[in-house]
Amino acid sequence: MAALPRFDPRTIPIERVDHDLPPVPRHDLQAPAIARRFAQPPLWEPELRREPRMTDRAPAPAAVLVPLVLREGLPSVLLTERAGHLRTHSGQIAFPGGRVDAEDPSIRHAALREAQEEIGLAPEHVQVLGELPVYVTGTAFQVTPVVALVSPAMALQPNPDEVADVFEVPLDFLMNPAHHRWHAFEWEGQSRRWCSMPYLQPRNGPAGEGDNVERFIWGATAGMLRNLYRFLISPLPTALP
């Protein structure tokens, strides 16, 4: 199987932007509302489950932590920029996470362990809410997203061997489909299609001022965030009389 050619995802034309879809209401993005939703989940289907395969190697289970930091107002999503020297997905925006080890007693344990190893996030600052469906990457990782609330009292220590930067994006930005863009290109007779959610992060000063940094969220990370959107926007079960 031929390797996917290196390309800049920012240069791939945009097919559409989902301006027609509603954002998740702000009251449903409050931490108590998200916790209730995981405790009593809706009937829903993830929109994105699997990327076209790009490797012949055996599938490997993996786990990522989707950390929702309890900031004033609405939570924010903690993300990393992978180190540029890594063999796979170097420089990309990602959740903290990685392979599930044989010694890990559970998927959740693997996500918490990886988050502590990558960015120094101590488990005592994390309240796990639940899991989203497995997302299979083109590199054959079977990734389980573990969604959790994170205390703002956390003290992070990113591992420079794995992480170039750690930053946060407002949850309401990511849960608004007006910021979800769809791209596609042809490769080996297949259409490769993915979602992106570019975020301009202010480097200095209030939002909209100063030197902004583009955080180009795409691929598997954007796909899992899109599934989180579908999970949060889906109607809850109707209570029986």
C-alpha atoms as a PDB file:
ATOM      1  CA  MET A   1       0.000   0.000   0.000  1.00  0.00           C
ATOM      2  CA  ALA A   2       1.486   3.330  -1.056  1.00  0.00           C
ATOM      3  CA  ALA A   3       2.057   5.943   1.608  1.00  0.00           C
ATOM      4  CA  LEU A   4      -0.161   9.008   1.551  1.00  0.00           C
ATOM      5  CA  PRO A   5       1.854  11.845   0.008  1.00  0.00           C
ATOM      6  CA  ARG A   6       2.859  14.722   2.274  1.00  0.00           C
ATOM      7  CA  PHE A   7       0.675  17.778   1.751  1.00  0.00           C
ATOM      8  CA  ASP A   8      -0.427  20.926   3.513  1.00  0.00           C
ATOM      9  CA  PRO A   9      -4.088  20.409   4.503  1.00  0.00           C
ATOM     10  CA  ARG A  10      -4.598  24.171   4.500  1.00  0.00           C
ATOM     11  CA  THR A  11      -4.172  24.196   0.706  1.00  0.00           C
ATOM     12  CA  ILE A  12      -6.932  21.653  -0.023  1.00  0.00           C
ATOM     13  CA  PRO A  13     -10.063  23.419  -1.356  1.00  0.00           C
ATOM     14  CA  ILE A  14     -13.082  23.744   0.921  1.00  0.00           C
ATOM     15  CA  GLU A  15     -16.147  21.843  -0.295  1.00  0.00           C
ATOM     16  CA  ARG A  16     -18.590  23.362   2.144  1.00  0.00           C
ATOM     17  CA  VAL A  17     -19.022  24.963   5.550  1.00  0.00           C
ATOM     18  CA  ASP A  18     -21.929  23.831   7.733  1.00  0.00           C
ATOM     19  CA  HIS A  19     -23.560  27.229   8.271  1.00  0.00           C
ATOM     20  CA  ASP A  20     -26.978  25.555   8.060  1.00  0.00           C
ATOM     21  CA  LEU A  21     -26.529  23.399  11.167  1.00  0.00           C
ATOM     22  CA  PRO A  22     -27.366  24.776  14.631  1.00  0.00           C
ATOM     23  CA  PRO A  23     -24.687  25.259  17.274  1.00  0.00           C
ATOM     24  CA  VAL A  24     -24.998  23.421  20.565  1.00  0.00           C
ATOM     25  CA  PRO A  25     -26.933  25.814  22.858  1.00  0.00           C
ATOM     26  CA  ARG A  26     -24.782  27.492  25.487  1.00  0.00           C
ATOM     27  CA  HIS A  27     -26.769  26.004  28.379  1.00  0.00           C
ATOM     28  CA  ASP A  28     -25.969  22.522  27.027  1.00  0.00           C
ATOM     29  CA  LEU A  29     -22.248  23.354  27.089  1.00  0.00           C
ATOM     30  CA  GLN A  30     -22.193  24.007  30.817  1.00  0.00           C
ATOM     31  CA  ALA A  31     -20.253  21.328  32.691  1.00  0.00           C
ATOM     32  CA  PRO A  32     -23.275  20.019  34.679  1.00  0.00           C
ATOM     33  CA  ALA A  33     -25.297  19.651  31.468  1.00  0.00           C
ATOM     34  CA  ILE A  34     -22.492  17.724  29.754  1.00  0.00           C
ATOM     35  CA  ALA A  35     -22.134  15.456  32.786  1.00  0.00           C
ATOM     36  CA  ARG A  36     -25.889  14.751  32.771  1.00  0.00           C
ATOM     37  CA  ARG A  37     -25.759  13.913  29.076  1.00  0.00           C
ATOM     38  CA  PHE A  38     -23.058  11.299  29.615  1.00  0.00           C
ATOM     39  CA  ALA A  39     -25.022   9.903  32.554  1.00  0.00           C
ATOM     40  CA  GLN A  40     -28.158   9.631  30.366  1.00  0.00           C
ATOM     41  CA  PRO A  41     -26.920   9.627  26.756  1.00  0.00           C
ATOM     42  CA  PRO A  42     -29.116  10.342  23.743  1.00  0.00           C
ATOM     43  CA  LEU A  43     -29.911   7.911  20.961  1.00  0.00           C
ATOM     44  CA  TRP A  44     -27.374   8.967  18.358  1.00  0.00           C
ATOM     45  CA  GLU A  45     -24.907   7.816  15.726  1.00  0.00           C
ATOM     46  CA  PRO A  46     -21.388   9.201  15.248  1.00  0.00           C
ATOM     47  CA  GLU A  47     -20.963  10.921  11.913  1.00  0.00           C
ATOM     48  CA  LEU A  48     -17.338   9.919  11.380  1.00  0.00           C
ATOM     49  CA  ARG A  49     -16.019   6.481  12.310  1.00  0.00           C
ATOM     50  CA  ARG A  50     -13.177   5.510   9.977  1.00  0.00           C
ATOM     51  CA  GLU A  51     -10.614   7.096   7.691  1.00  0.00           C
ATOM     52  CA  PRO A  52      -9.437   5.404   4.474  1.00  0.00           C
ATOM     53  CA  ARG A  53      -6.606   3.067   5.391  1.00  0.00           C
ATOM     54  CA  MET A  54      -3.080   4.256   4.583  1.00  0.00           C
ATOM     55  CA  THR A  55      -0.985   1.409   6.026  1.00  0.00           C
ATOM     56  CA  ASP A  56      -0.729  -2.361   6.005  1.00  0.00           C
ATOM     57  CA  ARG A  57       0.288  -2.701   9.634  1.00  0.00           C
ATOM     58  CA  ALA A  58      -1.920  -4.413  12.200  1.00  0.00           C
ATOM     59  CA  PRO A  59      -4.557  -2.280  13.949  1.00  0.00           C
ATOM     60  CA  ALA A  60      -3.543  -0.943  17.363  1.00  0.00           C
ATOM     61  CA  PRO A  61      -5.875   0.162  20.184  1.00  0.00           C
ATOM     62  CA  ALA A  62      -5.320   3.714  21.392  1.00  0.00           C
ATOM     63  CA  ALA A  63      -6.964   6.193  23.728  1.00  0.00           C
ATOM     64  CA  VAL A  64      -7.068   9.969  23.874  1.00  0.00           C
ATOM     65  CA  LEU A  65      -8.275  12.283  26.590  1.00  0.00           C
ATOM     66  CA  VAL A  66     -10.737  14.992  25.524  1.00  0.00           C
ATOM     67  CA  PRO A  67     -10.086  17.453  28.381  1.00  0.00           C
ATOM     68  CA  LEU A  68     -12.812  20.044  29.021  1.00  0.00           C
ATOM     69  CA  VAL A  69     -11.191  22.658  31.242  1.00  0.00           C
ATOM     70  CA  LEU A  70     -13.598  24.329  33.681  1.00  0.00           C
ATOM     71  CA  ARG A  71     -12.954  27.950  32.799  1.00  0.00           C
ATOM     72  CA  GLU A  72     -15.203  30.818  33.895  1.00  0.00           C
ATOM     73  CA  GLY A  73     -18.347  30.766  31.771  1.00  0.00           C
ATOM     74  CA  LEU A  74     -18.053  27.791  29.422  1.00  0.00           C
ATOM     75  CA  PRO A  75     -15.390  25.062  29.340  1.00  0.00           C
ATOM     76  CA  SER A  76     -12.504  25.107  26.900  1.00  0.00           C
ATOM     77  CA  VAL A  77     -10.890  22.141  25.135  1.00  0.00           C
ATOM     78  CA  LEU A  78      -7.261  21.406  25.939  1.00  0.00           C
ATOM     79  CA  LEU A  79      -5.246  20.429  22.853  1.00  0.00           C
ATOM     80  CA  THR A  80      -1.619  19.802  21.980  1.00  0.00           C
ATOM     81  CA  GLU A  81       0.628  20.480  19.018  1.00  0.00           C
ATOM     82  CA  ARG A  82       2.657  17.345  18.385  1.00  0.00           C
ATOM     83  CA  ALA A  83       6.429  17.691  18.248  1.00  0.00           C
ATOM     84  CA  GLY A  84       7.825  18.218  14.769  1.00  0.00           C
ATOM     85  CA  HIS A  85      10.263  15.287  14.904  1.00  0.00           C
ATOM     86  CA  LEU A  86       7.656  12.574  15.602  1.00  0.00           C
ATOM     87  CA  ARG A  87       7.379   9.799  13.021  1.00  0.00           C
ATOM     88  CA  THR A  88       3.599  10.049  12.606  1.00  0.00           C
ATOM     89  CA  HIS A  89       1.319  13.102  12.614  1.00  0.00           C
ATOM     90  CA  SER A  90       4.205  15.428  13.459  1.00  0.00           C
ATOM     91  CA  GLY A  91       3.195  19.049  14.015  1.00  0.00           C
ATOM     92  CA  GLN A  92      -0.503  18.232  13.992  1.00  0.00           C
ATOM     93  CA  ILE A  93      -3.069  19.336  16.548  1.00  0.00           C
ATOM     94  CA  ALA A  94      -4.106  16.435  18.761  1.00  0.00           C
ATOM     95  CA  PHE A  95      -5.632  15.367  22.034  1.00  0.00           C
ATOM     96  CA  PRO A  96      -3.192  13.976  24.586  1.00  0.00           C
ATOM     97  CA  GLY A  97      -3.132  10.201  24.179  1.00  0.00           C
ATOM     98  CA  GLY A  98      -1.508   7.228  22.552  1.00  0.00           C
ATOM     99  CA  ARG A  99      -1.352   3.444  22.384  1.00  0.00           C
ATOM    100  CA  VAL A 100      -3.085   1.275  24.968  1.00  0.00           C
ATOM    101  CA  ASP A 101      -0.374  -0.746  26.734  1.00  0.00           C
ATOM    102  CA  ALA A 102      -0.814  -4.347  27.835  1.00  0.00           C
ATOM    103  CA  GLU A 103      -0.391  -3.138  31.429  1.00  0.00           C
ATOM    104  CA  ASP A 104      -3.296  -0.675  31.179  1.00  0.00           C
ATOM    105  CA  PRO A 105      -6.294  -2.085  33.083  1.00  0.00           C
ATOM    106  CA  SER A 106      -8.751  -0.034  30.997  1.00  0.00           C
ATOM    107  CA  ILE A 107      -9.120   2.435  28.145  1.00  0.00           C
ATOM    108  CA  ARG A 108      -9.698   5.221  30.654  1.00  0.00           C
ATOM    109  CA  HIS A 109      -6.517   4.348  32.498  1.00  0.00           C
ATOM    110  CA  ALA A 110      -4.596   4.487  29.218  1.00  0.00           C
ATOM    111  CA  ALA A 111      -5.995   7.943  28.383  1.00  0.00           C
ATOM    112  CA  LEU A 112      -5.131   9.291  31.839  1.00  0.00           C
ATOM    113  CA  ARG A 113      -1.664   7.731  31.793  1.00  0.00           C
ATOM    114  CA  GLU A 114      -0.862   9.158  28.364  1.00  0.00           C
ATOM    115  CA  ALA A 115      -2.117  12.614  29.360  1.00  0.00           C
ATOM    116  CA  GLN A 116       0.133  12.567  32.428  1.00  0.00           C
ATOM    117  CA  GLU A 117       3.128  11.368  30.402  1.00  0.00           C
ATOM    118  CA  GLU A 118       2.619  13.865  27.555  1.00  0.00           C
ATOM    119  CA  ILE A 119       1.577  17.062  29.309  1.00  0.00           C
ATOM    120  CA  GLY A 120       1.928  16.363  33.045  1.00  0.00           C
ATOM    121  CA  LEU A 121      -1.844  16.390  33.683  1.00  0.00           C
ATOM    122  CA  ALA A 122      -2.266  14.745  37.087  1.00  0.00           C
ATOM    123  CA  PRO A 123      -5.260  12.348  37.334  1.00  0.00           C
ATOM    124  CA  GLU A 124      -6.493  14.020  40.545  1.00  0.00           C
ATOM    125  CA  HIS A 125      -7.449  17.064  38.453  1.00  0.00           C
ATOM    126  CA  VAL A 126      -9.531  14.952  36.036  1.00  0.00           C
ATOM    127  CA  GLN A 127     -13.146  13.783  36.307  1.00  0.00           C
ATOM    128  CA  VAL A 128     -13.921  11.269  33.567  1.00  0.00           C
ATOM    129  CA  LEU A 129     -17.462  11.609  32.179  1.00  0.00           C
ATOM    130  CA  GLY A 130     -17.542   8.849  29.588  1.00  0.00           C
ATOM    131  CA  GLU A 131     -16.367   7.659  26.213  1.00  0.00           C
ATOM    132  CA  LEU A 132     -17.270   8.375  22.603  1.00  0.00           C
ATOM    133  CA  PRO A 133     -17.333   5.638  19.925  1.00  0.00           C
ATOM    134  CA  VAL A 134     -14.065   4.327  18.530  1.00  0.00           C
ATOM    135  CA  TYR A 135     -12.557   6.369  15.689  1.00  0.00           C
ATOM    136  CA  VAL A 136     -10.245   4.457  13.324  1.00  0.00           C
ATOM    137  CA  THR A 137      -7.447   6.529  11.807  1.00  0.00           C
ATOM    138  CA  GLY A 138      -5.857   5.973   8.415  1.00  0.00           C
ATOM    139  CA  THR A 139      -2.730   4.807  10.251  1.00  0.00           C
ATOM    140  CA  ALA A 140      -4.765   1.932  11.789  1.00  0.00           C
ATOM    141  CA  PHE A 141      -5.111   3.287  15.315  1.00  0.00           C
ATOM    142  CA  GLN A 142      -8.452   2.354  16.882  1.00  0.00           C
ATOM    143  CA  VAL A 143      -8.897   5.423  19.054  1.00  0.00           C
ATOM    144  CA  THR A 144     -11.342   5.691  21.951  1.00  0.00           C
ATOM    145  CA  PRO A 145     -11.966   9.331  23.000  1.00  0.00           C
ATOM    146  CA  VAL A 146     -12.363   9.627  26.791  1.00  0.00           C
ATOM    147  CA  VAL A 147     -14.193  12.847  27.681  1.00  0.00           C
ATOM    148  CA  ALA A 148     -13.383  14.444  31.036  1.00  0.00           C
ATOM    149  CA  LEU A 149     -13.754  17.628  33.059  1.00  0.00           C
ATOM    150  CA  VAL A 150     -10.455  19.146  34.151  1.00  0.00           C
ATOM    151  CA  SER A 151      -9.858  21.479  37.075  1.00  0.00           C
ATOM    152  CA  PRO A 152      -8.292  24.847  36.193  1.00  0.00           C
ATOM    153  CA  ALA A 153      -5.969  24.221  39.155  1.00  0.00           C
ATOM    154  CA  MET A 154      -3.984  21.807  36.967  1.00  0.00           C
ATOM    155  CA  ALA A 155      -0.271  22.464  36.569  1.00  0.00           C
ATOM    156  CA  LEU A 156       0.974  21.170  33.217  1.00  0.00           C
ATOM    157  CA  GLN A 157       4.498  20.041  32.341  1.00  0.00           C
ATOM    158  CA  PRO A 158       4.570  19.191  28.618  1.00  0.00           C
ATOM    159  CA  ASN A 159       7.081  16.558  27.529  1.00  0.00           C
ATOM    160  CA  PRO A 160       9.197  18.238  24.801  1.00  0.00           C
ATOM    161  CA  ASP A 161       9.948  14.845  23.239  1.00  0.00           C
ATOM    162  CA  GLU A 162       6.255  14.534  22.341  1.00  0.00           C
ATOM    163  CA  VAL A 163       4.613  17.951  22.563  1.00  0.00           C
ATOM    164  CA  ALA A 164       5.612  21.271  21.014  1.00  0.00           C
ATOM    165  CA  ASP A 165       2.800  23.309  22.580  1.00  0.00           C
ATOM    166  CA  VAL A 166      -0.352  23.082  24.716  1.00  0.00           C
ATOM    167  CA  PHE A 167      -3.276  25.452  24.279  1.00  0.00           C
ATOM    168  CA  GLU A 168      -7.038  25.780  24.773  1.00  0.00           C
ATOM    169  CA  VAL A 169      -9.912  26.470  22.385  1.00  0.00           C
ATOM    170  CA  PRO A 170     -13.349  27.616  23.601  1.00  0.00           C
ATOM    171  CA  LEU A 171     -15.807  24.712  23.520  1.00  0.00           C
ATOM    172  CA  ASP A 172     -18.562  26.878  22.048  1.00  0.00           C
ATOM    173  CA  PHE A 173     -16.331  27.688  19.054  1.00  0.00           C
ATOM    174  CA  LEU A 174     -15.751  24.006  18.336  1.00  0.00           C
ATOM    175  CA  MET A 175     -19.407  23.068  18.879  1.00  0.00           C
ATOM    176  CA  ASN A 176     -20.595  25.585  16.273  1.00  0.00           C
ATOM    177  CA  PRO A 177     -20.799  23.952  12.803  1.00  0.00           C
ATOM    178  CA  ALA A 178     -20.328  27.356  11.178  1.00  0.00           C
ATOM    179  CA  HIS A 179     -16.655  26.700  11.995  1.00  0.00           C
ATOM    180  CA  HIS A 180     -16.653  23.178  10.511  1.00  0.00           C
ATOM    181  CA  ARG A 181     -15.180  23.066   6.999  1.00  0.00           C
ATOM    182  CA  TRP A 182     -15.091  20.031   4.717  1.00  0.00           C
ATOM    183  CA  HIS A 183     -12.206  19.193   2.349  1.00  0.00           C
ATOM    184  CA  ALA A 184     -11.541  16.380  -0.123  1.00  0.00           C
ATOM    185  CA  PHE A 185      -8.965  15.261  -2.670  1.00  0.00           C
ATOM    186  CA  GLU A 186      -8.407  12.194  -4.829  1.00  0.00           C
ATOM    187  CA  TRP A 187      -5.624   9.697  -4.089  1.00  0.00           C
ATOM    188  CA  GLU A 188      -5.222   6.175  -5.484  1.00  0.00           C
ATOM    189  CA  GLY A 189      -8.736   6.296  -6.908  1.00  0.00           C
ATOM    190  CA  GLN A 190     -10.337   7.162  -3.567  1.00  0.00           C
ATOM    191  CA  SER A 191     -11.794  10.398  -2.311  1.00  0.00           C
ATOM    192  CA  ARG A 192     -10.106  11.440   0.929  1.00  0.00           C
ATOM    193  CA  ARG A 193     -12.497  13.673   2.853  1.00  0.00           C
ATOM    194  CA  TRP A 194     -12.079  15.307   6.230  1.00  0.00           C
ATOM    195  CA  CYS A 195     -13.240  18.133   8.472  1.00  0.00           C
ATOM    196  CA  SER A 196     -11.208  21.103   9.684  1.00  0.00           C
ATOM    197  CA  MET A 197     -11.888  23.672  12.416  1.00  0.00           C
ATOM    198  CA  PRO A 198      -9.235  26.408  12.146  1.00  0.00           C
ATOM    199  CA  TYR A 199      -9.057  28.601  15.238  1.00  0.00           C
ATOM    200  CA  LEU A 200      -7.258  31.948  15.444  1.00  0.00           C
ATOM    201  CA  GLN A 201      -5.845  32.139  18.945  1.00  0.00           C
ATOM    202  CA  PRO A 202      -4.864  35.582  20.203  1.00  0.00           C
ATOM    203  CA  ARG A 203      -1.195  35.596  21.187  1.00  0.00           C
ATOM    204  CA  ASN A 204      -1.517  38.866  23.086  1.00  0.00           C
ATOM    205  CA  GLY A 205      -4.429  40.937  24.270  1.00  0.00           C
ATOM    206  CA  PRO A 206      -8.178  40.253  24.027  1.00  0.00           C
ATOM    207  CA  ALA A 207      -9.703  38.217  21.219  1.00  0.00           C
ATOM    208  CA  GLY A 208      -9.493  39.906  17.852  1.00  0.00           C
ATOM    209  CA  GLU A 209      -6.412  41.948  18.728  1.00  0.00           C
ATOM    210  CA  GLY A 210      -2.692  41.385  18.551  1.00  0.00           C
ATOM    211  CA  ASP A 211      -0.796  38.695  16.700  1.00  0.00           C
ATOM    212  CA  ASN A 212      -3.108  35.715  16.203  1.00  0.00           C
ATOM    213  CA  VAL A 213      -1.842  32.150  15.897  1.00  0.00           C
ATOM    214  CA  GLU A 214      -3.748  29.787  13.601  1.00  0.00           C
ATOM    215  CA  ARG A 215      -4.468  26.444  15.229  1.00  0.00           C
ATOM    216  CA  PHE A 216      -5.390  24.263  12.259  1.00  0.00           C
ATOM    217  CA  ILE A 217      -7.470  21.472  13.780  1.00  0.00           C
ATOM    218  CA  TRP A 218      -8.184  18.770  11.212  1.00  0.00           C
ATOM    219  CA  GLY A 219      -8.183  15.037  10.517  1.00  0.00           C
ATOM    220  CA  ALA A 220      -8.833  12.634  13.377  1.00  0.00           C
ATOM    221  CA  THR A 221      -8.945  15.378  16.035  1.00  0.00           C
ATOM    222  CA  ALA A 222     -11.569  17.346  14.112  1.00  0.00           C
ATOM    223  CA  GLY A 223     -13.444  14.107  13.369  1.00  0.00           C
ATOM    224  CA  MET A 224     -13.724  13.243  17.056  1.00  0.00           C
ATOM    225  CA  LEU A 225     -14.798  16.814  17.858  1.00  0.00           C
ATOM    226  CA  ARG A 226     -17.452  16.538  15.144  1.00  0.00           C
ATOM    227  CA  ASN A 227     -18.739  13.367  16.806  1.00  0.00           C
ATOM    228  CA  LEU A 228     -18.800  15.203  20.148  1.00  0.00           C
ATOM    229  CA  TYR A 229     -20.934  17.865  18.455  1.00  0.00           C
ATOM    230  CA  ARG A 230     -23.361  15.194  17.219  1.00  0.00           C
ATOM    231  CA  PHE A 231     -23.480  13.678  20.704  1.00  0.00           C
ATOM    232  CA  LEU A 232     -24.254  17.006  22.381  1.00  0.00           C
ATOM    233  CA  ILE A 233     -26.799  18.230  19.808  1.00  0.00           C
ATOM    234  CA  SER A 234     -28.821  14.988  19.627  1.00  0.00           C
ATOM    235  CA  PRO A 235     -32.206  15.031  21.401  1.00  0.00           C
ATOM    236  CA  LEU A 236     -32.279  13.419  24.792  1.00  0.00           C
ATOM    237  CA  PRO A 237     -34.664  10.473  25.380  1.00  0.00           C
ATOM    238  CA  THR A 238     -38.203  11.498  26.214  1.00  0.00           C
ATOM    239  CA  ALA A 239     -39.106  10.677  29.806  1.00  0.00           C
ATOM    240  CA  LEU A 240     -41.814   8.050  30.186  1.00  0.00           C
ATOM    241  CA  PRO A 241     -45.089   9.281  31.758  1.00  0.00           C
END
